[in-house]
Protein backbone atom coordinates (compact mmCIF):
# COMPACT_ATOMS: atom_id res chain seq x y z
CA MET A 1 3.91 81.58 15.47
CA ALA A 2 0.26 82.26 14.52
CA GLU A 3 -2.34 80.75 16.79
CA VAL A 4 -3.68 78.35 14.25
CA ALA A 5 -0.19 76.88 13.75
CA ALA A 6 0.25 75.99 17.43
CA VAL A 7 -0.76 72.37 17.77
CA LEU A 8 1.90 71.80 20.50
CA LEU A 9 3.93 74.04 22.73
CA PRO A 10 7.69 73.34 22.68
CA GLY A 11 7.60 71.55 26.01
CA GLU A 12 4.67 69.32 24.87
CA ALA A 13 6.44 68.52 21.63
CA GLU A 14 9.57 67.49 23.52
CA ALA A 15 7.65 65.26 25.96
CA LEU A 16 5.78 63.56 23.07
CA VAL A 17 9.05 62.92 21.11
CA GLN A 18 10.85 61.65 24.16
CA ALA A 19 8.07 59.18 24.96
CA LEU A 20 8.01 57.51 21.52
CA ARG A 21 8.63 53.78 21.86
CA SER A 22 8.34 50.64 19.72
CA GLY A 23 6.02 47.99 21.08
CA PRO A 24 5.17 44.33 20.41
CA LEU A 25 2.87 43.70 17.37
CA ARG A 26 0.42 41.88 19.67
CA ASN A 27 -0.28 45.13 21.50
CA THR A 28 -1.25 47.15 18.39
CA GLY A 29 -4.44 48.96 19.21
CA ASP A 30 -4.28 48.86 23.03
CA HIS A 31 -4.39 51.92 25.27
CA ARG A 32 -0.64 52.54 25.29
CA TRP A 33 -0.59 52.19 21.49
CA LEU A 34 -3.49 54.70 21.22
CA ARG A 35 -1.56 57.24 23.25
CA GLN A 36 1.36 56.86 20.92
CA HIS A 37 -0.86 57.16 17.90
CA GLU A 38 -2.17 60.42 19.31
CA ALA A 39 1.34 61.70 19.89
CA ILE A 40 2.34 60.86 16.32
CA GLU A 41 -0.86 62.48 14.96
CA LYS A 42 -0.06 65.74 16.85
CA LEU A 43 3.59 65.69 15.89
CA ASN A 44 2.57 65.15 12.20
CA MET A 45 0.13 68.07 12.27
CA GLN A 46 2.71 70.29 13.97
CA ALA A 47 5.37 69.30 11.46
CA ILE A 48 3.17 70.21 8.54
CA LEU A 49 2.18 73.56 9.94
CA SER A 50 5.74 74.41 11.07
CA ALA A 51 7.14 73.48 7.63
CA SER A 52 4.63 75.66 5.88
CA ALA A 53 5.77 78.55 8.08
CA GLY A 54 9.48 77.66 7.80
CA GLN A 55 9.70 76.98 11.47
CA GLU A 56 10.31 73.25 11.69
CA GLN A 57 13.78 73.38 13.18
CA LEU A 58 12.64 72.66 16.79
CA LEU A 59 10.88 69.44 15.85
CA ILE A 60 13.83 68.37 13.66
CA GLU A 61 16.25 68.93 16.57
CA LEU A 62 14.01 66.94 18.97
CA LEU A 63 13.78 63.91 16.61
CA VAL A 64 17.50 63.94 16.00
CA ASN A 65 18.59 64.62 19.56
CA TYR A 66 16.41 61.85 21.04
CA ALA A 67 17.26 59.53 18.17
CA LYS A 68 13.60 58.79 17.33
CA ILE A 69 13.76 58.38 13.57
CA PRO A 70 14.75 54.68 13.93
CA THR A 71 11.76 54.32 16.33
CA LEU A 72 9.36 55.82 13.78
CA ILE A 73 10.67 53.60 11.00
CA GLU A 74 10.23 50.48 13.17
CA GLU A 75 6.67 51.58 14.04
CA LEU A 76 6.02 52.10 10.35
CA ILE A 77 7.16 48.64 9.36
CA SER A 78 5.34 47.04 12.31
CA VAL A 79 1.97 48.50 11.28
CA GLU A 80 2.71 47.58 7.64
CA ILE A 81 3.16 43.94 8.76
CA TRP A 82 0.02 44.14 10.85
CA LYS A 83 -1.94 45.33 7.83
CA HIS A 84 -0.71 42.53 5.62
CA LYS A 85 -0.62 39.62 8.18
CA VAL A 86 -3.29 40.36 10.84
CA PHE A 87 -5.91 42.58 9.15
CA PRO A 88 -6.77 39.90 6.50
CA VAL A 89 -7.35 37.35 9.31
CA LEU A 90 -9.71 39.85 11.04
CA CYS A 91 -11.65 40.26 7.81
CA GLN A 92 -12.16 36.44 7.63
CA LEU A 93 -13.31 35.85 11.17
CA GLU A 94 -16.97 34.82 10.75
CA ASP A 95 -17.92 35.51 14.35
CA PHE A 96 -16.38 39.05 14.38
CA LYS A 97 -19.25 41.53 14.14
CA PRO A 98 -17.90 44.72 15.64
CA LYS A 99 -20.28 47.52 16.77
CA SER A 100 -17.81 49.87 15.14
CA THR A 101 -14.86 49.47 12.76
CA PHE A 102 -13.37 52.74 14.04
CA PRO A 103 -10.68 51.19 16.30
CA ILE A 104 -9.41 49.13 13.37
CA TYR A 105 -9.48 52.14 11.16
CA LEU A 106 -7.12 53.90 13.58
CA VAL A 107 -4.54 51.17 13.20
CA LEU A 108 -4.82 51.30 9.44
CA HIS A 109 -4.49 55.05 9.60
CA HIS A 110 -1.40 54.77 11.85
CA GLU A 111 0.78 53.91 8.85
CA ALA A 112 -0.43 57.01 6.91
CA SER A 113 0.33 59.29 9.92
CA ILE A 114 3.86 57.98 10.35
CA VAL A 115 4.70 58.17 6.61
CA ASN A 116 3.23 61.67 6.42
CA LEU A 117 5.47 62.75 9.31
CA LEU A 118 8.52 61.20 7.73
CA GLU A 119 7.78 62.81 4.33
CA THR A 120 7.68 66.19 6.03
CA VAL A 121 10.90 65.85 8.01
CA PHE A 122 13.08 63.84 5.60
CA PHE A 123 13.58 66.99 3.60
CA HIS A 124 16.34 67.74 6.14
CA LYS A 125 19.78 66.15 5.82
CA GLU A 126 20.22 65.64 9.54
CA ILE A 127 17.03 63.63 9.72
CA CYS A 128 18.24 61.28 6.98
CA GLU A 129 21.63 60.85 8.71
CA SER A 130 19.96 60.23 12.09
CA ALA A 131 18.15 57.20 10.64
CA GLU A 132 21.55 55.39 10.63
CA ASP A 133 21.21 51.71 9.75
CA THR A 134 17.39 51.84 9.60
CA ILE A 135 17.65 53.90 6.39
CA LEU A 136 18.01 50.48 4.73
CA ASP A 137 14.69 49.41 6.18
CA LEU A 138 13.04 52.61 4.99
CA ILE A 139 14.46 52.18 1.50
CA ASP A 140 13.08 48.63 1.38
CA TYR A 141 9.71 49.86 2.63
CA SER A 142 9.55 52.61 0.02
CA TYR A 143 10.55 50.08 -2.69
CA ARG A 144 7.65 47.82 -1.68
CA LYS A 145 5.25 50.78 -2.01
CA LEU A 146 6.63 51.80 -5.43
CA THR A 147 6.20 48.25 -6.75
CA LEU A 148 2.56 48.48 -5.67
CA LEU A 149 2.17 51.72 -7.62
CA ALA A 150 3.74 49.99 -10.59
CA ALA A 151 1.34 47.14 -10.31
CA TRP A 152 -1.68 49.40 -10.11
CA SER A 153 -0.50 51.35 -13.18
CA THR A 154 0.24 48.24 -15.21
CA ASN A 155 -3.24 46.83 -14.48
CA ARG A 156 -4.87 50.23 -14.88
CA GLU A 157 -6.71 49.72 -11.64
CA PHE A 158 -6.84 52.86 -9.55
CA PRO A 159 -8.40 53.16 -6.09
CA THR A 160 -11.16 55.79 -6.20
CA HIS A 161 -12.79 55.53 -2.78
CA GLU A 162 -11.99 59.04 -1.40
CA LYS A 163 -13.60 59.12 2.03
CA LEU A 164 -10.95 59.50 4.66
CA LEU A 165 -13.09 58.47 7.68
CA PRO A 166 -15.81 55.88 8.18
CA GLU A 167 -19.00 57.75 7.39
CA ASP A 168 -20.68 56.39 10.47
CA LEU A 169 -18.47 55.55 13.45
CA THR A 170 -21.13 53.32 14.91
CA ASN A 171 -21.87 51.42 11.71
CA ALA A 172 -21.29 47.73 12.28
CA SER A 173 -21.99 46.93 8.57
CA SER A 174 -18.71 47.46 7.27
CA MET A 175 -15.62 45.42 7.24
CA GLN A 176 -16.08 45.59 3.43
CA GLU A 177 -16.20 49.37 3.69
CA LEU A 178 -13.06 49.25 5.80
CA GLN A 179 -11.21 47.22 3.20
CA LYS A 180 -12.15 49.76 0.53
CA GLN A 181 -10.74 52.53 2.71
CA ALA A 182 -7.64 50.46 3.35
CA GLU A 183 -7.08 50.15 -0.38
CA MET A 184 -7.41 53.92 -0.92
CA MET A 185 -5.20 54.62 2.03
CA GLU A 186 -2.51 52.18 0.60
CA PHE A 187 -2.52 54.15 -2.63
CA LYS A 188 -2.01 57.43 -0.80
CA ILE A 189 0.62 55.97 1.50
CA SER A 190 2.57 54.62 -1.59
CA LEU A 191 2.62 58.13 -3.12
CA ARG A 192 3.99 59.51 0.21
CA ALA A 193 6.68 56.79 0.16
CA LEU A 194 7.66 57.97 -3.31
CA SER A 195 8.35 61.41 -1.78
CA VAL A 196 10.31 59.91 1.09
CA LEU A 197 12.49 57.98 -1.33
CA ARG A 198 13.08 61.14 -3.35
CA PHE A 199 14.29 62.94 -0.16
CA ILE A 200 16.61 60.00 0.54
CA THR A 201 18.13 60.37 -2.91
CA ASP A 202 18.81 64.07 -2.20
CA GLN A 203 21.50 62.81 0.20
CA VAL A 204 23.25 60.26 -2.03
CA ASP A 205 26.63 61.75 -1.32
CA SER A 206 26.32 61.18 2.41
CA LEU A 207 24.38 57.85 2.45
CA PRO A 208 26.16 54.64 3.59
CA LEU A 209 27.44 52.58 0.61
CA SER A 210 24.99 49.83 1.59
CA ALA A 211 22.09 52.25 1.04
CA LEU A 212 23.31 53.10 -2.50
CA THR A 213 23.79 49.41 -3.34
CA ARG A 214 20.28 48.67 -2.03
CA MET A 215 18.66 51.33 -4.22
CA LEU A 216 20.80 50.92 -7.39
CA ASN A 217 21.60 47.19 -7.62
CA THR A 218 19.37 45.19 -5.18
CA HIS A 219 16.14 46.97 -6.15
CA ASN A 220 17.18 48.79 -9.44
CA VAL A 221 15.18 51.85 -8.37
CA PRO A 222 16.13 53.87 -11.52
CA CYS A 223 14.37 51.37 -13.76
CA LEU A 224 11.36 51.24 -11.46
CA LEU A 225 11.10 55.03 -11.61
CA VAL A 226 11.20 54.83 -15.40
CA GLU A 227 8.29 52.36 -15.28
CA LEU A 228 6.34 54.80 -13.05
CA LEU A 229 6.86 57.64 -15.48
CA GLU A 230 5.80 55.34 -18.38
CA HIS A 231 2.52 54.23 -16.75
CA CYS A 232 1.86 57.14 -14.33
CA PRO A 233 -0.43 55.70 -11.64
CA TRP A 234 -1.43 59.14 -10.46
CA CYS A 235 -2.89 59.92 -13.89
CA HIS A 236 -5.65 58.13 -15.92
CA ARG A 237 -8.47 58.76 -18.27
CA GLU A 238 -12.09 58.23 -17.32
CA ALA A 239 -15.10 58.80 -19.60
CA GLY A 240 -12.75 60.63 -22.06
CA LYS A 241 -11.40 63.08 -19.44
CA LEU A 242 -7.91 63.14 -17.98
CA LYS A 243 -7.81 62.83 -14.21
CA LYS A 244 -4.72 63.42 -11.96
CA PHE A 245 -4.32 62.66 -8.29
CA GLU A 246 -3.25 65.67 -6.30
CA ASN A 247 -3.69 66.80 -2.76
CA GLY A 248 -5.34 63.48 -1.83
CA VAL A 249 -8.11 63.43 -4.45
CA TRP A 250 -8.66 62.80 -8.12
CA HIS A 251 -9.14 65.97 -10.25
CA VAL A 252 -10.35 66.37 -13.78
CA VAL A 253 -7.58 68.29 -15.62
CA PRO A 254 -8.56 70.98 -18.13
CA PRO A 255 -6.99 70.54 -21.60
CA GLU A 256 -4.67 73.51 -21.14
CA ASP A 257 -3.10 71.82 -18.12
CA HIS A 258 -2.53 68.37 -19.63
CA VAL A 259 1.23 69.00 -20.04
CA LYS A 260 1.65 70.56 -16.64
CA MET A 261 3.95 68.65 -14.36
CA THR A 262 2.41 67.53 -11.10
CA LYS A 263 4.30 67.36 -7.75
CA LEU A 264 4.46 63.58 -8.16
CA ASP A 265 5.96 63.78 -11.59
CA GLY A 266 8.51 66.14 -10.19
CA GLN A 267 9.45 63.76 -7.36
CA VAL A 268 10.19 60.98 -9.85
CA TRP A 269 12.34 63.21 -12.10
CA ILE A 270 14.37 64.61 -9.22
CA ALA A 271 14.94 61.16 -7.78
CA LEU A 272 16.18 59.96 -11.23
CA TYR A 273 18.33 63.05 -11.54
CA ASN A 274 19.88 62.33 -8.15
CA LEU A 275 20.52 58.68 -8.83
CA LEU A 276 21.83 58.97 -12.38
CA LEU A 277 23.95 62.12 -12.27
CA SER A 278 25.69 61.61 -9.00
CA PRO A 279 29.29 60.50 -9.68
CA GLU A 280 29.12 57.97 -6.75
CA CYS A 281 25.91 56.44 -8.18
CA GLN A 282 27.36 56.29 -11.69
CA ARG A 283 30.33 54.38 -10.21
CA LYS A 284 28.13 51.83 -8.53
CA TYR A 285 25.19 51.42 -11.03
CA ASN A 286 25.38 48.58 -13.50
CA LEU A 287 24.46 50.14 -16.78
CA ASP A 288 24.11 46.83 -18.66
CA GLY A 289 22.07 46.46 -21.88
CA PHE A 290 18.74 46.17 -20.12
CA ASN A 291 19.24 49.08 -17.78
CA LYS A 292 20.58 51.23 -20.61
CA SER A 293 17.56 50.50 -22.82
CA GLN A 294 15.18 51.33 -19.97
CA LEU A 295 16.89 54.63 -19.15
CA LEU A 296 16.92 55.68 -22.81
CA LYS A 297 13.07 55.62 -22.74
CA LEU A 298 13.31 58.81 -20.77
CA ARG A 299 14.43 60.71 -23.87
CA ALA A 300 10.86 60.65 -25.22
CA PHE A 301 9.60 62.40 -22.14
CA LEU A 302 12.19 65.21 -22.06
CA THR A 303 10.29 67.71 -24.14
CA ASP A 304 10.97 71.45 -24.14
CA VAL A 305 7.75 71.98 -22.19
CA LEU A 306 8.96 69.55 -19.43
CA ILE A 307 12.45 71.11 -19.29
CA ASP A 308 10.88 74.62 -18.99
CA GLN A 309 9.19 73.36 -15.85
CA LEU A 310 12.26 71.66 -14.39
CA PRO A 311 15.36 73.25 -15.99
CA ASN A 312 17.86 70.92 -14.30
CA LEU A 313 16.69 68.20 -16.58
CA VAL A 314 18.87 69.70 -19.35
CA GLU A 315 21.75 67.84 -17.63
CA MET A 316 19.67 64.63 -17.71
CA GLN A 317 19.15 65.18 -21.44
CA ARG A 318 22.91 65.52 -21.96
CA PHE A 319 23.58 62.43 -19.85
CA LEU A 320 21.20 60.37 -21.93
CA SER A 321 22.60 61.71 -25.23
CA HIS A 322 26.08 60.62 -24.03
CA LEU A 323 24.72 57.25 -22.92
CA VAL A 324 23.43 56.53 -26.45
CA MET A 325 26.98 56.92 -27.88
CA THR A 326 28.91 54.97 -25.23
CA GLU A 327 29.22 51.51 -23.79
CA PRO A 328 29.51 52.03 -20.04
CA VAL A 329 32.16 50.08 -18.13
CA PRO A 330 30.65 47.57 -15.65
CA PRO A 331 31.05 48.74 -12.08
CA LYS A 332 33.88 47.25 -10.00
CA LYS A 333 32.70 44.86 -7.33
CA ASP A 334 33.63 46.25 -3.92
CA LEU A 335 34.99 43.52 -1.60
CA ILE A 336 33.13 44.78 1.45
CA LEU A 337 30.40 43.42 3.70
CA GLU A 338 27.08 44.86 2.82
CA GLN A 339 24.61 45.64 5.55
CA VAL A 340 21.06 44.43 5.13
CA PRO A 341 17.74 45.69 6.63
CA VAL A 342 16.69 43.73 9.70
CA ILE A 343 13.47 45.19 11.18
CA ARG A 344 10.92 43.54 8.99
CA ASP A 345 12.54 40.11 9.09
CA ARG A 346 12.85 40.30 12.88
CA ILE A 347 9.18 41.22 13.44
CA VAL A 348 7.92 38.63 11.03
CA ARG A 349 10.17 35.96 12.59
CA GLU A 350 9.02 36.83 16.14
CA ASN A 351 5.37 36.53 15.18
CA SER A 352 5.49 33.80 12.54
CA GLY A 353 2.63 31.30 13.00
CA LYS A 354 0.86 33.58 15.54
CA TRP A 355 -1.16 35.80 13.18
CA GLN A 356 -4.54 34.19 14.00
CA ALA A 357 -3.79 34.21 17.77
CA ILE A 358 -2.85 37.86 17.57
CA ALA A 359 -6.02 38.68 15.61
CA LYS A 360 -8.24 36.87 18.16
CA HIS A 361 -6.45 38.52 21.07
CA GLN A 362 -7.07 41.96 19.50
CA VAL A 363 -10.68 41.24 18.66
CA LYS A 364 -11.30 40.38 22.32
CA HIS A 365 -9.30 43.15 24.00
CA MET A 366 -9.08 46.06 21.47
CA PHE A 367 -11.58 45.90 18.65
CA SER A 368 -14.85 45.15 20.36
CA PRO A 369 -15.41 48.48 22.18
CA SER A 370 -18.47 49.09 24.42
CA GLU A 371 -20.70 52.11 23.89
CA ASP A 372 -18.79 54.00 26.56
CA GLU A 373 -15.38 53.08 25.03
CA LEU A 374 -16.69 54.17 21.61
CA LYS A 375 -17.76 57.52 23.06
CA ASP A 376 -14.34 57.97 24.61
CA LEU A 377 -12.75 57.26 21.25
CA ALA A 378 -14.96 59.89 19.63
CA CYS A 379 -13.93 62.40 22.36
CA TRP A 380 -10.29 61.52 21.74
CA TRP A 381 -10.72 61.92 17.98
CA ALA A 382 -12.39 65.36 18.43
CA ARG A 383 -9.58 66.51 20.81
CA THR A 384 -6.82 65.32 18.52
CA TYR A 385 -8.28 66.62 15.23
CA ASN A 386 -8.92 70.17 16.38
CA LEU A 387 -11.10 71.57 13.61
CA ASP A 388 -9.30 74.88 13.29
CA VAL A 389 -6.02 73.07 12.95
CA MET A 390 -7.44 70.64 10.36
CA GLU A 391 -8.69 73.50 8.26
CA ALA A 392 -5.17 74.95 8.18
CA LEU A 393 -3.87 71.56 6.97
CA VAL A 394 -6.40 71.16 4.17
CA PRO A 395 -4.81 72.30 0.88
CA GLU A 396 -8.22 73.10 -0.74
CA LYS A 397 -11.71 74.12 0.14
CA PRO A 398 -13.97 71.42 1.72
CA LYS A 399 -16.26 69.24 -0.41
CA CYS A 400 -20.01 68.49 0.08
CA GLY A 401 -20.60 65.30 1.95
CA LEU A 402 -23.32 64.28 -0.57
CA CYS A 403 -22.42 65.53 -4.07
CA GLY A 404 -18.77 66.37 -3.67
CA PHE A 405 -19.00 69.96 -4.94
CA GLU A 406 -17.23 72.76 -3.19
CA ALA A 407 -18.94 73.36 0.24
CA THR A 408 -19.36 76.48 2.31
CA LYS A 409 -21.72 75.26 5.09
CA ARG A 410 -20.69 73.05 7.98
CA CYS A 411 -23.00 70.84 10.07
CA SER A 412 -23.73 72.97 13.08
CA ARG A 413 -24.08 69.99 15.53
CA CYS A 414 -20.97 67.94 14.91
CA GLN A 415 -18.79 70.48 13.03
CA ASN A 416 -17.41 67.53 11.16
CA GLU A 417 -19.24 67.41 7.77
CA TRP A 418 -19.70 70.00 5.01
CA TYR A 419 -22.44 70.69 2.50
CA CYS A 420 -22.86 73.05 -0.51
CA LYS A 421 -26.54 73.65 0.13
CA ARG A 422 -29.40 72.88 2.55
CA GLU A 423 -30.96 70.30 0.21
CA CYS A 424 -27.77 68.17 0.22
CA GLN A 425 -27.69 68.25 4.02
CA VAL A 426 -31.35 67.10 4.29
CA GLN A 427 -30.80 64.25 1.79
CA HIS A 428 -27.63 63.18 3.56
CA TRP A 429 -29.13 63.20 7.11
CA GLN A 430 -30.16 59.60 7.41
CA LYS A 431 -26.63 58.46 6.60
CA HIS A 432 -24.95 61.17 8.65
CA LYS A 433 -27.23 60.98 11.69
CA LYS A 434 -25.54 58.42 13.86
CA ALA A 435 -22.03 59.86 13.30
CA CYS A 436 -23.37 63.34 13.91
CA ASN A 437 -24.93 62.40 17.22
CA LEU A 438 -21.74 60.62 18.35
CA MET A 439 -19.45 63.54 17.45
CA ALA A 440 -21.84 66.12 18.88
CA ASP A 441 -21.91 64.22 22.22
CA ALA A 442 -18.12 64.10 22.17
CA LEU A 443 -17.84 67.82 21.58
CA LYS A 444 -20.33 68.51 24.32
CA LYS A 445 -18.36 66.33 26.78
CA ILE A 446 -15.15 68.14 25.89
CA LYS A 447 -16.68 71.55 26.52
CA GLU A 448 -18.03 70.30 29.87
CA ASP A 449 -14.63 68.93 30.79
CA LEU A 450 -13.09 72.25 30.01
CA LYS A 451 -15.56 74.14 32.18
CA VAL A 452 -14.70 72.07 35.27
CA GLN A 453 -10.89 72.41 34.87
CA PRO A 454 -9.37 74.73 37.43
């Protein structure tokens, strides 16, 4: 393995996977939680780099052998609940004036880290199977995210705040800034959840019957996917120009690429293909008048240009042509007990009526760091997000911190911000200064620590 692709040695990866645990919602953000967040971040980075090199089998085996996919799914749902139940309470506490919003940002980012890791590994059948009953919880989670995407697309409201990190880690001004970042993060997480759901549909022939029932009849995922294709939340027009969301940012699309399929379009079409053309799904899906009319809307999208990009859609075209001419028989009702997801209901039930108490506890013990604790967090961040590794993960060249154009020059002090020219760096300095000092001190401390190690 190339040096840049080695975030973790095999023994380190095994120790981190083995140590993964679910914890009480009340402890979100404490020291043990931070250690687990660091572990998930490193596993996520290693998974991406290993997958790009076709060497992900070790991590897959560790997650399966130690049965940690259910743990990751529970952590994912726990932080989702925290974001919707506790975070709004924090934002409304009048006496909460944190010196830094960075610790809260880490909790919000935790959900993105887990869903990124799951998106990378769920490509493998053994991972999907190792989820066991929690696959139902993951299906429900993905469905909630897809309904958010549908709501955004229906209202034509698209998050456009693209900064991934608080610009200034010591800035106390900005619970509002944090809320904007949370909205953009929610959008990106929802798109990742779409990919996770697509990978689940790849395994329809080996999924439990309850999982198929959940997707097809409880949530009617095929019709939801049709709605996403109709309104396309990752694509909109602004000032007369078509913009598409790819690789984490909005891009202006040149006219010659308007009909080019994006990765997200492909995920929706493949999921529909899996759900509609599988014999088992056809046996269970209720193709009543409404569902039939919704699915037939797909015929308008199945152009020659689209089929050239995804040839398997010829079979979808045939299926829809046959659907026009037939009246499908309603599915037989199976007289079996259907399993239901339990993780979300259990966590909400355990903490119901305690949201404000949890928020106040976390403000006192986790989210009001001292200067020394904030410096320790910056050191932790610099260690975890090794710059050489991060560059290997970025799918495109860095952007200028001021104007957003392609950048070639990095801040020499903190190594954390990029600029296209000297003038942009000078203009941006007053905004960047505090974060630069904090990160530079963290890097200096790390280098000093390394010198004194035996």
